[in-house]
Amino acid sequence: MNVGIIGCGAVAPKHTEAYKGIDGIDVMLAYDVVIDKGNRFQANILGKHWLRGWCDKLDCILESCDLVSICTPSSTHAEIAIQCAKAGVNVICEKPIDIDLGKAQKMIDAFDESDASQ
C-alpha cells in the first residue's frame, strides 16, 4: 500500500513512526504547502520509515497513494479530505475532522459518495 503524509509539521513524524514496521506499506510520500516545512521534514525523515520522496503538489499524493494521513491544521482537514475522497484515496485524519460543522458534514458526505474510507 502506498501511503502519503499531508502536512509536515509536528504531528507528521509521529505518523511516519506509526507506519514503521507495518507489513504492506511500500512507499511513503510527503506534501506540505509550506516549502520550508516540507524541506525540513524531508531532510529529517527521507530515507527513514520508508519515506521515499517529496511531492510539490497535492495531486502528486492523490495520484500515487492509496492512503494518506492528514496532519495539517484542523481548519484545512475537510477541504483536503474531500479532495482525497473525490480521488478515491483513503484517509486517516487528525482530530477534529474540522473546526466547522458544515465542512465536517461535507467531508462525511464526500466519503459516503466515494469508494474511499475515512
Protein backbone atom coordinates (compact mmCIF):
# COMPACT_ATOMS: atom_id res chain seq x y z
CA MET A 1 0.00 0.00 0.00
CA ASN A 2 1.28 3.44 -0.90
CA VAL A 3 0.90 5.91 1.95
CA GLY A 4 1.31 9.67 1.95
CA ILE A 5 1.65 12.31 4.64
CA ILE A 6 -0.12 15.61 4.02
CA GLY A 7 1.26 18.33 6.26
CA CYS A 8 4.82 18.18 7.53
CA GLY A 9 4.57 19.87 10.91
CA ALA A 10 4.99 18.48 14.42
CA VAL A 11 2.49 15.62 14.07
CA ALA A 12 3.79 14.20 10.77
CA PRO A 13 6.85 12.40 12.23
CA LYS A 14 4.55 10.60 14.66
CA HIS A 15 2.51 9.28 11.75
CA THR A 16 5.62 8.13 9.89
CA GLU A 17 6.80 6.35 13.03
CA ALA A 18 3.40 4.67 13.41
CA TYR A 19 3.66 3.22 9.91
CA LYS A 20 7.11 1.81 10.63
CA GLY A 21 7.00 -1.94 10.68
CA ILE A 22 3.51 -2.35 9.23
CA ASP A 23 3.55 -5.08 6.62
CA GLY A 24 2.40 -3.94 3.20
CA ILE A 25 3.50 -0.31 3.48
CA ASP A 26 5.70 0.08 0.42
CA VAL A 27 6.09 3.77 -0.29
CA MET A 28 5.54 6.95 1.63
CA LEU A 29 5.38 10.41 0.11
CA ALA A 30 5.06 13.76 1.86
CA TYR A 31 3.48 17.07 0.90
CA ASP A 32 3.13 20.48 2.54
CA VAL A 33 2.12 23.86 1.15
CA VAL A 34 4.88 25.48 3.23
CA ILE A 35 8.05 24.62 1.32
CA ASP A 36 10.38 25.18 4.31
CA LYS A 37 8.39 22.72 6.45
CA GLY A 38 8.50 20.19 3.66
CA ASN A 39 12.23 20.64 3.18
CA ARG A 40 12.91 20.19 6.92
CA PHE A 41 10.66 17.14 7.07
CA GLN A 42 12.36 15.66 4.03
CA ALA A 43 15.84 16.30 5.45
CA ASN A 44 14.94 14.70 8.78
CA ILE A 45 12.79 11.81 7.60
CA LEU A 46 13.66 11.00 3.96
CA GLY A 47 15.07 7.51 3.72
CA LYS A 48 13.76 6.57 7.15
CA HIS A 49 10.45 4.81 7.76
CA TRP A 50 10.13 4.10 4.01
CA LEU A 51 9.64 7.76 3.13
CA ARG A 52 10.74 7.71 -0.49
CA GLY A 53 10.00 11.15 -1.78
CA TRP A 54 8.53 14.59 -1.62
CA CYS A 55 5.61 15.93 -3.65
CA ASP A 56 5.31 19.60 -4.51
CA LYS A 57 1.59 19.35 -5.31
CA LEU A 58 -1.32 17.63 -3.58
CA ASP A 59 -2.22 15.96 -6.89
CA CYS A 60 1.05 14.02 -6.72
CA ILE A 61 -0.06 12.41 -3.44
CA LEU A 62 -3.57 11.77 -4.76
CA GLU A 63 -2.23 10.07 -7.89
CA SER A 64 0.39 7.99 -6.07
CA CYS A 65 -1.13 6.95 -2.75
CA ASP A 66 -3.85 4.58 -1.57
CA LEU A 67 -3.97 6.11 1.91
CA VAL A 68 -2.98 9.48 3.35
CA SER A 69 -2.56 10.82 6.86
CA ILE A 70 -3.84 14.38 7.08
CA CYS A 71 -1.56 16.18 9.54
CA THR A 72 -2.47 19.77 8.68
CA PRO A 73 -4.16 22.47 10.78
CA SER A 74 -7.71 21.49 11.78
CA SER A 75 -9.31 24.21 9.65
CA THR A 76 -7.96 22.52 6.50
CA HIS A 77 -8.88 18.89 7.24
CA ALA A 78 -12.26 18.76 5.50
CA GLU A 79 -11.10 20.54 2.35
CA ILE A 80 -8.16 18.16 1.91
CA ALA A 81 -10.18 15.08 2.85
CA ILE A 82 -12.87 15.95 0.29
CA GLN A 83 -10.20 16.10 -2.42
CA CYS A 84 -8.94 12.71 -1.25
CA ALA A 85 -12.44 11.24 -1.33
CA LYS A 86 -13.01 12.51 -4.87
CA ALA A 87 -9.73 10.86 -5.89
CA GLY A 88 -10.67 7.60 -4.16
CA VAL A 89 -7.85 7.88 -1.63
CA ASN A 90 -8.44 6.55 1.89
CA VAL A 91 -7.81 8.95 4.79
CA ILE A 92 -6.57 8.92 8.35
CA CYS A 93 -7.32 12.38 9.72
CA GLU A 94 -6.07 14.05 12.87
CA LYS A 95 -8.86 15.23 15.15
CA PRO A 96 -11.01 17.18 14.95
CA ILE A 97 -12.07 16.33 11.42
CA ASP A 98 -12.66 20.08 11.00
CA ILE A 99 -13.47 23.06 13.19
CA ASP A 100 -16.54 23.90 11.11
CA LEU A 101 -19.50 21.53 11.46
CA GLY A 102 -20.76 22.28 7.95
CA LYS A 103 -17.38 21.45 6.41
CA ALA A 104 -17.16 18.30 8.51
CA GLN A 105 -20.55 17.17 7.18
CA LYS A 106 -19.43 17.85 3.60
CA MET A 107 -16.40 15.67 4.28
CA ILE A 108 -18.58 12.84 5.57
CA ASP A 109 -20.89 13.21 2.56
CA ALA A 110 -17.92 13.09 0.17
CA PHE A 111 -16.78 9.78 1.63
CA ASP A 112 -20.32 8.40 1.57
CA GLU A 113 -20.30 9.05 -2.20
CA SER A 114 -16.78 7.66 -2.69
CA ASP A 115 -15.11 4.26 -2.75
CA ALA A 116 -12.58 5.62 -0.26
CA SER A 117 -12.93 5.38 3.51
CA GLN A 118 -12.25 7.85 6.27
